[in-house]
N, C-alpha and C. Protein backbone atom coordinates (compact mmCIF):
# COMPACT_ATOMS: atom_id res chain seq x y z
N MET A 1 -70.71 -144.18 -102.92
CA MET A 1 -71.16 -142.93 -101.62
C MET A 1 -72.71 -142.38 -101.20
N GLU A 2 -72.93 -142.95 -102.57
CA GLU A 2 -74.70 -142.53 -103.28
C GLU A 2 -75.91 -143.95 -102.58
N ASN A 3 -75.06 -144.84 -103.11
CA ASN A 3 -75.71 -146.16 -102.85
C ASN A 3 -75.52 -146.51 -101.43
N GLN A 4 -74.85 -145.98 -100.06
CA GLN A 4 -74.43 -146.08 -99.43
C GLN A 4 -75.33 -145.40 -98.52
N SER A 5 -75.77 -144.07 -99.28
CA SER A 5 -76.39 -143.84 -98.64
C SER A 5 -78.19 -143.89 -98.73
N VAL A 6 -78.58 -144.79 -99.85
CA VAL A 6 -80.08 -145.70 -99.91
C VAL A 6 -80.12 -146.45 -99.56
N GLN A 7 -79.06 -147.11 -99.19
CA GLN A 7 -78.98 -148.52 -98.27
C GLN A 7 -79.48 -148.06 -96.81
N ALA A 8 -78.89 -147.16 -96.26
CA ALA A 8 -78.83 -146.39 -95.17
C ALA A 8 -80.21 -146.05 -94.31
N LYS A 9 -81.42 -145.19 -95.90
CA LYS A 9 -82.62 -144.76 -95.96
C LYS A 9 -83.37 -145.82 -95.76
N GLU A 10 -83.05 -147.22 -96.44
CA GLU A 10 -84.22 -148.51 -96.25
C GLU A 10 -83.85 -148.72 -95.19
N VAL A 11 -82.47 -149.31 -94.79
CA VAL A 11 -82.95 -149.35 -93.15
C VAL A 11 -83.36 -149.09 -92.31
N GLU A 12 -83.26 -147.86 -92.49
CA GLU A 12 -84.29 -147.04 -90.68
C GLU A 12 -85.44 -146.93 -91.50
N ARG A 13 -86.05 -147.84 -92.70
CA ARG A 13 -87.74 -147.70 -92.71
C ARG A 13 -87.57 -149.11 -92.69
N ASN A 14 -86.71 -149.85 -92.09
CA ASN A 14 -87.13 -151.47 -91.71
C ASN A 14 -86.98 -151.55 -89.97
N GLY A 15 -86.56 -150.10 -89.53
CA GLY A 15 -85.90 -149.86 -87.67
C GLY A 15 -85.21 -150.56 -87.50
N GLN A 16 -83.98 -150.39 -88.84
CA GLN A 16 -82.90 -150.81 -88.09
C GLN A 16 -82.05 -150.04 -88.45
N MET A 17 -80.89 -149.45 -87.95
CA MET A 17 -80.02 -148.35 -88.34
C MET A 17 -78.59 -149.87 -88.36
N LEU A 18 -78.25 -150.78 -87.29
CA LEU A 18 -76.99 -151.19 -87.34
C LEU A 18 -77.30 -152.04 -86.93
N ARG A 19 -76.71 -153.85 -87.02
CA ARG A 19 -76.58 -154.88 -85.98
C ARG A 19 -75.93 -155.00 -85.54
N LEU A 20 -75.29 -155.64 -84.59
CA LEU A 20 -74.34 -155.81 -83.64
C LEU A 20 -74.70 -157.61 -82.96
N ASP A 21 -73.71 -158.27 -83.58
CA ASP A 21 -73.54 -159.26 -83.01
C ASP A 21 -72.40 -159.52 -82.29
N LEU A 22 -72.44 -159.29 -80.75
CA LEU A 22 -70.99 -159.56 -80.64
C LEU A 22 -70.48 -160.77 -79.14
N SER A 23 -69.72 -161.14 -78.86
CA SER A 23 -69.44 -161.84 -78.09
C SER A 23 -68.66 -161.31 -76.87
N LEU A 24 -68.66 -161.66 -75.68
CA LEU A 24 -67.45 -160.79 -74.86
C LEU A 24 -67.88 -161.84 -73.71
N THR A 25 -65.98 -162.14 -73.01
CA THR A 25 -66.28 -162.73 -71.68
C THR A 25 -65.46 -162.51 -70.99
N ILE A 26 -66.18 -162.62 -69.98
CA ILE A 26 -65.81 -162.84 -68.74
C ILE A 26 -64.70 -163.66 -67.71
N THR A 27 -63.54 -162.50 -67.58
CA THR A 27 -62.65 -163.68 -66.97
C THR A 27 -62.24 -163.76 -65.40
N ASP A 28 -63.78 -162.52 -64.83
CA ASP A 28 -63.44 -162.25 -63.39
C ASP A 28 -64.61 -162.13 -62.93
N GLU A 29 -65.31 -162.49 -61.78
CA GLU A 29 -66.21 -161.97 -61.00
C GLU A 29 -66.13 -160.42 -61.09
N SER A 30 -65.08 -160.00 -60.76
CA SER A 30 -64.87 -158.26 -60.34
C SER A 30 -65.63 -157.86 -61.67
N GLN A 31 -66.08 -158.64 -62.95
CA GLN A 31 -66.68 -157.83 -64.01
C GLN A 31 -68.01 -158.16 -64.05
N ALA A 32 -68.46 -157.79 -63.15
CA ALA A 32 -70.24 -157.01 -62.96
C ALA A 32 -70.25 -156.37 -63.91
N GLY A 33 -70.12 -155.32 -63.53
CA GLY A 33 -70.44 -154.59 -64.73
C GLY A 33 -70.16 -154.18 -65.37
N ARG A 34 -69.60 -155.18 -66.49
CA ARG A 34 -69.91 -155.27 -68.14
C ARG A 34 -70.65 -155.97 -68.64
N ALA A 35 -71.46 -156.87 -67.49
CA ALA A 35 -72.67 -157.38 -67.72
C ALA A 35 -73.93 -156.40 -68.03
N ALA A 36 -73.39 -155.67 -66.64
CA ALA A 36 -74.74 -154.68 -66.29
C ALA A 36 -74.76 -153.53 -67.77
N LEU A 37 -73.75 -153.17 -67.55
CA LEU A 37 -73.10 -152.45 -69.06
C LEU A 37 -74.75 -152.90 -70.08
N LEU A 38 -74.06 -154.18 -70.50
CA LEU A 38 -74.29 -154.64 -71.70
C LEU A 38 -75.64 -155.13 -71.22
N LEU A 39 -76.52 -155.56 -70.07
CA LEU A 39 -78.02 -155.55 -70.04
C LEU A 39 -78.68 -153.92 -70.67
N ALA A 40 -77.93 -153.11 -70.01
CA ALA A 40 -78.61 -151.66 -70.08
C ALA A 40 -78.91 -150.91 -71.31
N ALA A 41 -77.50 -151.98 -72.10
CA ALA A 41 -77.77 -151.39 -73.31
C ALA A 41 -78.46 -151.97 -74.79
N THR A 42 -79.22 -153.60 -74.05
CA THR A 42 -80.96 -153.43 -74.96
C THR A 42 -81.56 -153.38 -74.96
N THR A 43 -81.99 -153.49 -76.50
CA THR A 43 -82.95 -152.65 -76.91
C THR A 43 -84.19 -153.42 -77.19
N SER A 44 -84.67 -154.60 -76.67
CA SER A 44 -85.47 -155.09 -77.40
C SER A 44 -85.63 -156.09 -75.73
N PRO A 45 -87.43 -156.68 -75.91
CA PRO A 45 -86.59 -157.64 -74.96
C PRO A 45 -86.55 -159.46 -74.98
N VAL A 46 -86.26 -159.45 -76.51
CA VAL A 46 -85.81 -160.62 -77.18
C VAL A 46 -84.26 -161.10 -76.51
N GLU A 47 -83.64 -159.53 -76.49
CA GLU A 47 -82.00 -159.68 -76.48
C GLU A 47 -81.93 -159.23 -74.80
N GLU A 48 -82.94 -158.09 -74.29
CA GLU A 48 -82.74 -158.69 -72.93
C GLU A 48 -82.86 -160.31 -72.04
N THR A 49 -84.05 -160.65 -72.54
CA THR A 49 -84.03 -161.91 -71.90
C THR A 49 -82.88 -162.98 -72.16
N ARG A 50 -82.24 -162.70 -73.49
CA ARG A 50 -81.19 -163.82 -74.11
C ARG A 50 -80.32 -163.17 -72.94
N LEU A 51 -79.90 -162.32 -72.81
CA LEU A 51 -78.53 -162.11 -72.19
C LEU A 51 -78.83 -162.40 -70.78
N ARG A 52 -79.85 -162.31 -69.86
CA ARG A 52 -79.96 -162.38 -68.70
C ARG A 52 -80.23 -164.15 -68.27
N GLU A 53 -80.70 -164.86 -69.79
CA GLU A 53 -80.18 -166.77 -69.53
C GLU A 53 -79.15 -166.79 -69.27
N GLN A 54 -78.59 -166.33 -70.20
CA GLN A 54 -77.18 -166.30 -70.35
C GLN A 54 -75.83 -166.72 -69.24
N LEU A 55 -76.45 -165.08 -68.25
CA LEU A 55 -76.01 -164.66 -67.34
C LEU A 55 -76.86 -165.92 -66.07
N GLN A 56 -77.52 -166.51 -65.74
CA GLN A 56 -78.16 -166.99 -64.87
C GLN A 56 -77.46 -168.51 -65.48
N LYS A 57 -77.39 -168.90 -66.41
CA LYS A 57 -76.52 -169.90 -66.31
C LYS A 57 -75.20 -170.34 -65.40
N TRP A 58 -74.53 -168.93 -65.32
CA TRP A 58 -73.61 -169.10 -65.09
C TRP A 58 -73.77 -168.89 -63.41
N GLY A 59 -75.06 -168.81 -62.88
CA GLY A 59 -75.11 -168.54 -61.68
C GLY A 59 -75.05 -166.59 -60.77
N TRP A 60 -75.08 -166.28 -61.85
CA TRP A 60 -75.26 -164.56 -62.31
C TRP A 60 -76.80 -164.07 -61.49
N ARG A 61 -77.14 -163.40 -60.98
CA ARG A 61 -78.79 -163.02 -60.47
C ARG A 61 -78.32 -161.53 -62.16
N ALA A 62 -79.60 -161.31 -63.00
CA ALA A 62 -80.21 -159.93 -63.31
C ALA A 62 -81.23 -159.99 -63.32
N VAL A 63 -81.63 -158.09 -63.88
CA VAL A 63 -83.34 -157.51 -63.66
C VAL A 63 -82.58 -156.34 -64.24
N ALA A 64 -83.58 -156.35 -65.16
CA ALA A 64 -83.99 -154.59 -65.81
C ALA A 64 -85.25 -153.58 -65.42
N THR A 65 -85.24 -152.75 -65.61
CA THR A 65 -86.62 -151.72 -65.74
C THR A 65 -85.99 -150.63 -65.95
N GLU A 66 -87.16 -150.28 -66.67
CA GLU A 66 -86.74 -148.71 -66.81
C GLU A 66 -87.49 -147.67 -66.05
N VAL A 67 -87.45 -145.97 -66.11
CA VAL A 67 -87.59 -144.99 -65.63
C VAL A 67 -87.82 -143.43 -66.57
N GLY A 68 -88.11 -143.14 -66.36
CA GLY A 68 -88.70 -142.03 -67.54
C GLY A 68 -89.04 -140.90 -66.49
N GLY A 69 -89.18 -139.11 -66.76
CA GLY A 69 -89.25 -137.91 -66.42
C GLY A 69 -88.52 -136.94 -66.55
N LEU A 70 -89.01 -135.96 -66.23
CA LEU A 70 -87.97 -134.89 -65.78
C LEU A 70 -87.04 -135.11 -64.68
N ALA A 71 -85.66 -134.82 -64.45
CA ALA A 71 -84.50 -135.22 -63.75
C ALA A 71 -84.79 -134.92 -62.41
N GLY A 72 -85.69 -133.45 -61.98
CA GLY A 72 -85.76 -133.85 -60.95
C GLY A 72 -86.80 -134.22 -60.06
N ASP A 73 -87.06 -134.79 -61.02
CA ASP A 73 -88.36 -135.79 -60.19
C ASP A 73 -88.16 -136.84 -59.54
N LEU A 74 -87.04 -137.29 -60.74
CA LEU A 74 -86.35 -138.87 -60.75
C LEU A 74 -85.53 -139.25 -59.84
N PRO A 75 -85.60 -138.81 -58.86
CA PRO A 75 -84.36 -139.70 -57.21
C PRO A 75 -85.26 -141.19 -56.75
N GLN A 76 -87.07 -140.47 -56.34
CA GLN A 76 -87.20 -141.58 -55.88
C GLN A 76 -88.55 -142.39 -56.73
N LYS A 77 -88.39 -141.88 -57.96
CA LYS A 77 -88.79 -143.26 -58.79
C LYS A 77 -87.73 -143.81 -59.14
N ILE A 78 -86.82 -143.72 -59.16
CA ILE A 78 -85.11 -144.34 -59.40
C ILE A 78 -85.13 -145.13 -58.39
N THR A 79 -84.95 -144.73 -57.05
CA THR A 79 -85.09 -145.82 -55.97
C THR A 79 -86.38 -146.91 -55.84
N ARG A 80 -87.59 -146.66 -56.34
CA ARG A 80 -88.82 -147.70 -55.89
C ARG A 80 -88.43 -148.25 -57.28
N ALA A 81 -88.13 -148.42 -58.53
CA ALA A 81 -87.87 -148.88 -59.55
C ALA A 81 -86.65 -149.65 -59.50
N VAL A 82 -85.27 -148.89 -58.71
CA VAL A 82 -84.29 -150.41 -58.05
C VAL A 82 -84.20 -151.40 -57.29
N VAL A 83 -85.04 -150.42 -56.17
CA VAL A 83 -85.48 -151.53 -55.11
C VAL A 83 -86.29 -152.86 -55.47
N GLY A 84 -87.79 -152.57 -56.27
CA GLY A 84 -88.74 -153.50 -56.48
C GLY A 84 -88.29 -153.97 -57.26
N ALA A 85 -87.87 -153.72 -58.58
CA ALA A 85 -86.99 -154.56 -59.08
C ALA A 85 -86.13 -156.00 -58.43
N ALA A 86 -84.90 -155.01 -58.14
CA ALA A 86 -83.87 -156.22 -57.04
C ALA A 86 -84.16 -156.86 -56.80
N LEU A 87 -85.84 -156.86 -55.74
CA LEU A 87 -86.62 -157.75 -54.63
C LEU A 87 -87.38 -158.80 -55.42
N ASN A 88 -88.18 -158.21 -56.34
CA ASN A 88 -88.99 -159.21 -57.07
C ASN A 88 -88.37 -160.24 -57.85
N ALA A 89 -87.19 -159.44 -58.46
CA ALA A 89 -86.08 -161.16 -59.29
C ALA A 89 -85.36 -161.72 -58.60
N ASN A 90 -85.39 -161.68 -57.10
CA ASN A 90 -84.42 -161.57 -56.48
C ASN A 90 -83.21 -161.83 -56.54
N VAL A 91 -82.46 -160.37 -57.13
CA VAL A 91 -80.96 -160.20 -57.26
C VAL A 91 -80.53 -160.08 -56.21
N VAL A 92 -81.44 -159.13 -55.07
CA VAL A 92 -80.80 -159.05 -53.97
C VAL A 92 -82.08 -159.67 -53.10
N GLU A 93 -81.27 -159.77 -51.61
CA GLU A 93 -82.43 -160.37 -50.47
C GLU A 93 -82.86 -159.38 -49.70
N LYS A 94 -83.34 -159.38 -48.88
CA LYS A 94 -84.25 -157.49 -47.86
C LYS A 94 -83.20 -157.49 -46.51
N ARG A 95 -81.78 -157.77 -46.90
CA ARG A 95 -81.09 -157.75 -46.08
C ARG A 95 -80.10 -156.75 -46.29
N SER A 96 -79.71 -155.81 -44.43
CA SER A 96 -78.86 -154.70 -44.64
C SER A 96 -78.16 -154.48 -45.69
N GLY A 97 -77.08 -155.54 -45.40
CA GLY A 97 -76.14 -155.63 -46.78
C GLY A 97 -76.02 -155.57 -47.57
N GLU A 98 -76.94 -156.20 -48.38
CA GLU A 98 -77.92 -156.02 -49.96
C GLU A 98 -78.01 -154.76 -49.98
N MET A 99 -79.13 -154.55 -49.66
CA MET A 99 -79.62 -153.49 -49.79
C MET A 99 -78.74 -152.33 -49.53
N HIS A 100 -77.87 -152.66 -48.83
CA HIS A 100 -76.65 -151.31 -48.80
C HIS A 100 -76.40 -151.00 -49.86
N ALA A 101 -75.61 -152.35 -50.01
CA ALA A 101 -74.88 -151.89 -51.99
C ALA A 101 -75.86 -151.90 -52.85
N LEU A 102 -76.46 -152.82 -52.81
CA LEU A 102 -77.35 -151.70 -54.26
C LEU A 102 -78.10 -150.88 -53.99
N MET A 103 -78.73 -149.67 -53.07
CA MET A 103 -78.51 -148.46 -53.36
C MET A 103 -77.22 -147.46 -53.03
N HIS A 104 -75.86 -148.18 -52.62
CA HIS A 104 -74.69 -147.58 -53.13
C HIS A 104 -74.30 -147.56 -54.64
N ALA A 105 -74.80 -149.17 -55.25
CA ALA A 105 -74.91 -148.78 -56.74
C ALA A 105 -75.46 -148.35 -57.31
N ALA A 106 -76.71 -148.04 -57.10
CA ALA A 106 -77.42 -147.13 -57.85
C ALA A 106 -77.04 -145.72 -57.64
N LEU A 107 -77.08 -145.45 -56.59
CA LEU A 107 -76.37 -143.73 -56.83
C LEU A 107 -75.01 -143.21 -57.51
N GLU A 108 -74.44 -144.20 -57.48
CA GLU A 108 -73.14 -144.17 -57.89
C GLU A 108 -73.47 -143.76 -59.66
N ALA A 109 -74.10 -144.55 -60.03
CA ALA A 109 -74.15 -145.80 -61.64
C ALA A 109 -75.25 -144.08 -62.12
N MET A 110 -75.99 -143.50 -60.95
CA MET A 110 -77.15 -142.38 -61.29
C MET A 110 -75.96 -141.12 -61.17
N ASN A 111 -74.84 -140.79 -60.46
CA ASN A 111 -74.38 -139.76 -60.33
C ASN A 111 -73.25 -139.28 -61.56
N GLY A 112 -73.21 -140.45 -62.37
CA GLY A 112 -72.21 -140.94 -63.37
C GLY A 112 -73.49 -140.49 -64.71
N PHE A 113 -74.37 -141.01 -64.68
CA PHE A 113 -75.73 -140.56 -65.59
C PHE A 113 -76.02 -139.43 -65.47
N MET A 114 -76.40 -138.08 -64.26
CA MET A 114 -77.03 -137.25 -64.02
C MET A 114 -75.68 -136.64 -63.78
N SER A 115 -76.00 -135.14 -64.35
CA SER A 115 -75.68 -133.90 -63.08
C SER A 115 -76.81 -133.29 -62.50
N THR A 116 -75.89 -132.56 -61.55
CA THR A 116 -77.17 -131.90 -60.94
C THR A 116 -77.88 -130.47 -61.30
N SER A 117 -77.09 -130.44 -62.61
CA SER A 117 -77.16 -129.32 -63.52
C SER A 117 -78.58 -129.28 -64.60
N MET A 118 -79.13 -131.19 -64.31
CA MET A 118 -79.89 -131.28 -64.97
C MET A 118 -81.63 -131.05 -64.61
N LEU A 119 -81.22 -130.53 -63.69
CA LEU A 119 -82.95 -131.08 -63.18
C LEU A 119 -84.40 -131.01 -64.09
N GLU A 120 -84.22 -129.61 -65.48
CA GLU A 120 -85.37 -129.63 -66.03
C GLU A 120 -84.73 -130.88 -67.30
N ALA A 121 -84.61 -131.72 -67.32
CA ALA A 121 -83.88 -131.84 -68.34
C ALA A 121 -84.91 -133.74 -68.35
N SER A 122 -85.08 -133.99 -69.78
CA SER A 122 -86.58 -134.78 -69.68
C SER A 122 -85.41 -135.85 -70.22
N ILE A 123 -85.72 -137.28 -69.00
CA ILE A 123 -84.56 -138.10 -68.66
C ILE A 123 -85.89 -139.82 -69.26
N GLY A 124 -85.27 -140.57 -69.91
CA GLY A 124 -85.75 -141.91 -70.25
C GLY A 124 -84.45 -142.74 -70.04
N ALA A 125 -84.10 -143.83 -69.15
CA ALA A 125 -83.33 -144.62 -68.80
C ALA A 125 -83.72 -146.04 -68.67
N LYS A 126 -82.63 -147.20 -69.22
CA LYS A 126 -83.01 -148.22 -68.93
C LYS A 126 -82.23 -148.42 -67.70
N ILE A 127 -82.39 -149.48 -66.49
CA ILE A 127 -81.49 -149.19 -65.42
C ILE A 127 -81.39 -151.51 -65.37
N ALA A 128 -80.21 -151.40 -65.49
CA ALA A 128 -80.22 -152.74 -64.60
C ALA A 128 -78.97 -152.91 -63.29
N ILE A 129 -79.20 -154.11 -63.48
CA ILE A 129 -78.55 -155.00 -61.96
C ILE A 129 -78.29 -156.21 -62.28
N VAL A 130 -76.86 -156.52 -61.89
CA VAL A 130 -76.73 -157.82 -61.96
C VAL A 130 -75.41 -157.53 -61.01
N ARG A 131 -75.85 -159.28 -60.31
CA ARG A 131 -75.03 -159.78 -59.35
C ARG A 131 -74.94 -161.07 -59.43
N ASN A 132 -72.97 -160.93 -59.09
CA ASN A 132 -72.74 -162.60 -58.84
C ASN A 132 -72.44 -162.56 -57.11
N GLY A 133 -71.96 -163.54 -56.68
CA GLY A 133 -71.49 -164.56 -55.57
C GLY A 133 -71.13 -163.17 -54.56
N ALA A 134 -69.89 -162.27 -55.31
CA ALA A 134 -69.40 -161.22 -54.56
C ALA A 134 -69.81 -159.69 -55.11
N TRP A 135 -70.41 -159.19 -56.10
CA TRP A 135 -70.47 -157.76 -56.46
C TRP A 135 -71.94 -157.88 -57.43
N LEU A 136 -72.33 -156.88 -56.96
CA LEU A 136 -73.49 -155.75 -57.35
C LEU A 136 -73.47 -154.97 -58.51
N ALA A 137 -73.50 -154.78 -59.39
CA ALA A 137 -73.32 -153.95 -60.17
C ALA A 137 -74.51 -152.73 -60.08
N VAL A 138 -74.54 -151.71 -61.03
CA VAL A 138 -75.57 -151.12 -61.84
C VAL A 138 -75.68 -150.51 -62.53
N ALA A 139 -75.89 -150.64 -63.74
CA ALA A 139 -75.89 -149.86 -64.83
C ALA A 139 -77.03 -148.80 -65.46
N VAL A 140 -76.70 -147.27 -65.53
CA VAL A 140 -77.84 -146.89 -66.09
C VAL A 140 -77.74 -146.01 -67.80
N MET A 141 -78.36 -146.77 -68.33
CA MET A 141 -78.61 -146.44 -70.09
C MET A 141 -79.49 -145.44 -70.41
N GLY A 142 -79.90 -144.70 -71.24
CA GLY A 142 -80.94 -144.12 -71.51
C GLY A 142 -80.54 -142.27 -72.37
N ASP A 143 -81.82 -141.78 -72.91
CA ASP A 143 -81.19 -140.48 -72.89
C ASP A 143 -81.52 -139.17 -72.48
N SER A 144 -81.08 -138.33 -72.71
CA SER A 144 -81.58 -137.08 -71.98
C SER A 144 -81.55 -135.39 -72.90
N ALA A 145 -82.64 -134.63 -72.34
CA ALA A 145 -82.46 -133.44 -73.76
C ALA A 145 -83.41 -132.99 -72.68
N TYR A 146 -82.85 -131.48 -72.76
CA TYR A 146 -83.95 -130.41 -72.89
C TYR A 146 -85.32 -129.72 -74.23
N HIS A 147 -84.62 -130.53 -75.08
CA HIS A 147 -85.38 -130.22 -75.96
C HIS A 147 -85.26 -131.53 -76.73
N ALA A 148 -86.65 -131.71 -77.04
CA ALA A 148 -86.87 -133.35 -77.66
C ALA A 148 -85.67 -133.13 -79.24
N VAL A 149 -85.47 -131.71 -80.11
CA VAL A 149 -84.04 -131.72 -80.99
C VAL A 149 -83.06 -132.65 -79.97
N ALA A 150 -82.65 -132.45 -79.06
CA ALA A 150 -81.38 -131.96 -78.46
C ALA A 150 -81.07 -133.47 -77.84
N HIS A 151 -81.90 -133.82 -77.63
CA HIS A 151 -81.49 -135.25 -77.13
C HIS A 151 -80.12 -136.17 -77.16
N HIS A 152 -79.48 -136.30 -76.45
CA HIS A 152 -78.25 -137.65 -76.29
C HIS A 152 -78.07 -138.77 -75.56
N GLU A 153 -77.16 -139.49 -75.42
CA GLU A 153 -77.10 -140.39 -74.65
C GLU A 153 -76.44 -140.56 -73.80
N ARG A 154 -76.61 -141.39 -72.73
CA ARG A 154 -75.48 -140.91 -71.49
C ARG A 154 -75.40 -142.25 -70.95
N CYS A 155 -74.87 -142.78 -70.40
CA CYS A 155 -74.40 -143.58 -69.23
C CYS A 155 -73.53 -143.94 -67.93
N GLY A 156 -74.12 -144.23 -67.10
CA GLY A 156 -73.51 -144.41 -65.68
C GLY A 156 -73.10 -145.59 -65.05
N LEU A 157 -72.60 -146.23 -64.23
CA LEU A 157 -72.15 -147.82 -63.96
C LEU A 157 -71.70 -147.32 -62.36
N GLY A 158 -72.23 -148.20 -61.69
CA GLY A 158 -72.06 -149.09 -60.71
C GLY A 158 -71.87 -149.73 -59.84
N ILE A 159 -70.39 -149.90 -58.73
CA ILE A 159 -70.00 -151.83 -58.62
C ILE A 159 -69.83 -151.22 -57.17
N MET A 160 -70.29 -152.21 -56.23
CA MET A 160 -70.27 -152.66 -54.81
C MET A 160 -69.76 -154.31 -54.21
N HIS A 161 -69.26 -154.09 -53.67
CA HIS A 161 -68.84 -155.72 -53.04
C HIS A 161 -69.97 -155.75 -52.35
N VAL A 162 -70.66 -156.93 -52.85
CA VAL A 162 -71.56 -157.90 -51.77
C VAL A 162 -71.39 -157.94 -50.59
């Protein structure tokens, strides 16, 4: 047991606590949410780029962005970040049906990520948007805290048919 503790401390000093390599098979277009959750869960630019490139090989479009601040200030930031990222990365086109699906998926994801009672909580989140031919998914993953010592992870997912 003591040896495991020493190894854990050594790993923490090197900047990694645990490294997971996984393979996920997506069997249907309707599973865009799985891809969005994975993209939102990436912790480095290299992981993010690798996953986006894999999705692009199958004709799927994807982008990720980050937002942070007090929960009460986030709705405007999130709207700008989601719309800007999705348009700039050509995940959606500036058409009413596509923008409608994007905003509804983002709203659903944010409702799962934060409750309305969190207005003074500090939030840091990564937002991933994944689109295939028929589905658009928005995943949000990050941390929230009323105090720095009490932060914990949260996530939310929204999926809409385009």
